[in-house]
Amino acid sequence: MRLAKSGLLLFIAGLVLGALIPAFASPRLALSAHSTAVQTGTALIVFGLLWPHTGLRPRASMILSNAIWMSTYVLVTGLSLAAIFGATRLEPIASGGRVGEAWQETILAILVPGGSLVLLVACVAWLLLWRSRSAD
């Protein structure tokens, strides 16, 4: 149920981001953060509803569920910071080609791809473990 609650909180944060889009240094990046928060929040709610049916061992369940919700929060945080900074090399179209200061780009280069990669790996691992457990 922790995943569903985390998803609901992220969904609500996405709605708040959407309401504040005009206040960001880069409204297009804020729209990206808003869309990502709403979509990943919805996905976390679905994961939370499906999770009890996966039959994963407790340790695997804990590791994967934490990796999934934390990575979505890291990703949305990175995109929100990009909107605040108003620039990022990671999304040249949304940032309008503006590049932030070196320290800003470093933070974004860690958060956005890092969150995306951990989310992808955790979701694939969850799917593979769920399939293997359902075959037992």
Protein backbone atom coordinates (compact mmCIF):
# COMPACT_ATOMS: atom_id res chain seq x y z
CA MET A 1 0.00 0.00 0.00
CA ARG A 2 3.04 2.25 0.41
CA LEU A 3 3.40 2.44 -3.37
CA ALA A 4 -0.21 3.57 -3.82
CA LYS A 5 0.16 6.24 -1.13
CA SER A 6 3.45 7.42 -2.63
CA GLY A 7 1.72 7.53 -6.00
CA LEU A 8 -1.15 9.59 -4.68
CA LEU A 9 1.26 12.08 -3.10
CA LEU A 10 3.23 12.33 -6.34
CA PHE A 11 0.03 12.75 -8.34
CA ILE A 12 -1.04 15.62 -6.06
CA ALA A 13 2.44 17.16 -6.34
CA GLY A 14 2.04 16.95 -10.12
CA LEU A 15 -1.25 18.81 -9.92
CA VAL A 16 0.41 21.54 -7.84
CA LEU A 17 3.26 21.73 -10.36
CA GLY A 18 0.68 22.11 -13.11
CA ALA A 19 -0.99 24.99 -11.32
CA LEU A 20 2.37 26.73 -10.87
CA ILE A 21 3.69 26.29 -14.44
CA PRO A 22 3.66 30.04 -15.24
CA ALA A 23 5.77 30.81 -12.16
CA PHE A 24 8.77 28.71 -13.25
CA ALA A 25 11.80 30.09 -15.06
CA SER A 26 11.05 27.59 -17.85
CA PRO A 27 7.33 26.86 -18.24
CA ARG A 28 8.04 24.14 -20.83
CA LEU A 29 10.30 22.29 -18.39
CA ALA A 30 7.67 22.79 -15.68
CA LEU A 31 5.11 21.19 -18.00
CA SER A 32 7.50 18.25 -18.39
CA ALA A 33 7.85 17.94 -14.60
CA HIS A 34 4.06 18.20 -14.18
CA SER A 35 3.36 15.53 -16.81
CA THR A 36 5.98 13.20 -15.38
CA ALA A 37 4.68 13.60 -11.83
CA VAL A 38 1.08 12.93 -12.80
CA GLN A 39 1.96 9.94 -14.99
CA THR A 40 4.42 8.31 -12.61
CA GLY A 41 2.07 9.00 -9.70
CA THR A 42 -0.67 7.14 -11.54
CA ALA A 43 1.77 4.31 -12.32
CA LEU A 44 2.74 4.05 -8.64
CA ILE A 45 -0.93 3.76 -7.68
CA VAL A 46 -1.31 0.89 -10.17
CA PHE A 47 1.88 -0.77 -8.88
CA GLY A 48 0.52 -0.47 -5.35
CA LEU A 49 -2.71 -2.18 -6.33
CA LEU A 50 -0.92 -4.97 -8.23
CA TRP A 51 1.90 -5.52 -5.76
CA PRO A 52 0.06 -7.86 -3.34
CA HIS A 53 -0.63 -10.22 -6.25
CA THR A 54 3.00 -10.58 -7.33
CA GLY A 55 4.00 -13.13 -4.71
CA LEU A 56 7.52 -11.74 -4.44
CA ARG A 57 9.71 -12.72 -1.54
CA PRO A 58 9.73 -10.03 1.18
CA ARG A 59 13.31 -8.89 0.58
CA ALA A 60 12.88 -8.60 -3.20
CA SER A 61 9.56 -6.88 -2.70
CA MET A 62 11.07 -4.32 -0.33
CA ILE A 63 14.07 -3.58 -2.56
CA LEU A 64 12.04 -3.24 -5.75
CA SER A 65 9.16 -1.26 -4.29
CA ASN A 66 11.56 1.21 -2.66
CA ALA A 67 13.60 1.52 -5.87
CA ILE A 68 10.46 2.20 -7.89
CA TRP A 69 8.93 4.91 -5.71
CA MET A 70 12.26 6.58 -4.90
CA SER A 71 13.31 6.71 -8.56
CA THR A 72 10.05 8.41 -9.56
CA TYR A 73 10.57 11.05 -6.88
CA VAL A 74 14.20 11.57 -7.95
CA LEU A 75 13.11 11.96 -11.58
CA VAL A 76 10.37 14.48 -10.79
CA THR A 77 12.72 16.38 -8.48
CA GLY A 78 15.30 16.61 -11.25
CA LEU A 79 12.76 17.87 -13.78
CA SER A 80 11.36 20.35 -11.27
CA LEU A 81 14.85 21.70 -10.58
CA ALA A 82 15.41 22.01 -14.32
CA ALA A 83 12.24 24.12 -14.51
CA ILE A 84 13.43 26.26 -11.60
CA PHE A 85 16.90 26.70 -13.12
CA GLY A 86 15.30 27.38 -16.48
CA ALA A 87 17.83 25.38 -18.42
CA THR A 88 19.22 21.94 -19.00
CA ARG A 89 21.30 20.22 -21.64
CA LEU A 90 19.24 17.09 -21.05
CA GLU A 91 16.12 18.55 -22.63
CA PRO A 92 17.27 21.08 -25.23
CA ILE A 93 13.85 21.44 -26.86
CA ALA A 94 11.99 22.07 -23.61
CA SER A 95 14.70 24.39 -22.29
CA GLY A 96 14.78 26.38 -25.50
CA GLY A 97 18.48 25.64 -25.85
CA ARG A 98 19.39 27.43 -22.62
CA VAL A 99 22.11 25.83 -20.55
CA GLY A 100 22.43 26.25 -16.82
CA GLU A 101 25.52 26.84 -14.75
CA ALA A 102 27.93 23.92 -14.43
CA TRP A 103 26.77 22.96 -10.92
CA GLN A 104 23.12 23.01 -12.02
CA GLU A 105 23.81 20.84 -15.06
CA THR A 106 25.78 18.41 -12.86
CA ILE A 107 22.86 18.01 -10.45
CA LEU A 108 20.42 17.51 -13.32
CA ALA A 109 22.76 15.09 -15.09
CA ILE A 110 22.70 12.90 -11.99
CA LEU A 111 19.02 13.15 -11.02
CA VAL A 112 17.18 12.87 -14.33
CA PRO A 113 19.04 10.03 -16.07
CA GLY A 114 19.73 8.33 -12.72
CA GLY A 115 16.07 8.31 -11.73
CA SER A 116 15.07 7.13 -15.19
CA LEU A 117 17.63 4.31 -15.26
CA VAL A 118 16.81 3.02 -11.76
CA LEU A 119 13.09 3.12 -12.59
CA LEU A 120 13.62 1.16 -15.80
CA VAL A 121 15.82 -1.48 -14.17
CA ALA A 122 13.46 -1.88 -11.19
CA CYS A 123 10.39 -2.22 -13.41
CA VAL A 124 12.06 -4.83 -15.64
CA ALA A 125 13.30 -6.74 -12.59
CA TRP A 126 9.82 -6.62 -11.06
CA LEU A 127 8.25 -7.93 -14.23
CA LEU A 128 10.80 -10.75 -14.58
CA LEU A 129 10.51 -11.78 -10.93
CA TRP A 130 6.71 -11.63 -11.09
CA ARG A 131 6.72 -13.85 -14.19
CA SER A 132 9.11 -16.34 -12.63
CA ARG A 133 7.08 -16.47 -9.41
CA SER A 134 3.81 -16.99 -11.28
CA ALA A 135 5.37 -19.98 -13.10
CA ASP A 136 5.98 -21.76 -9.75
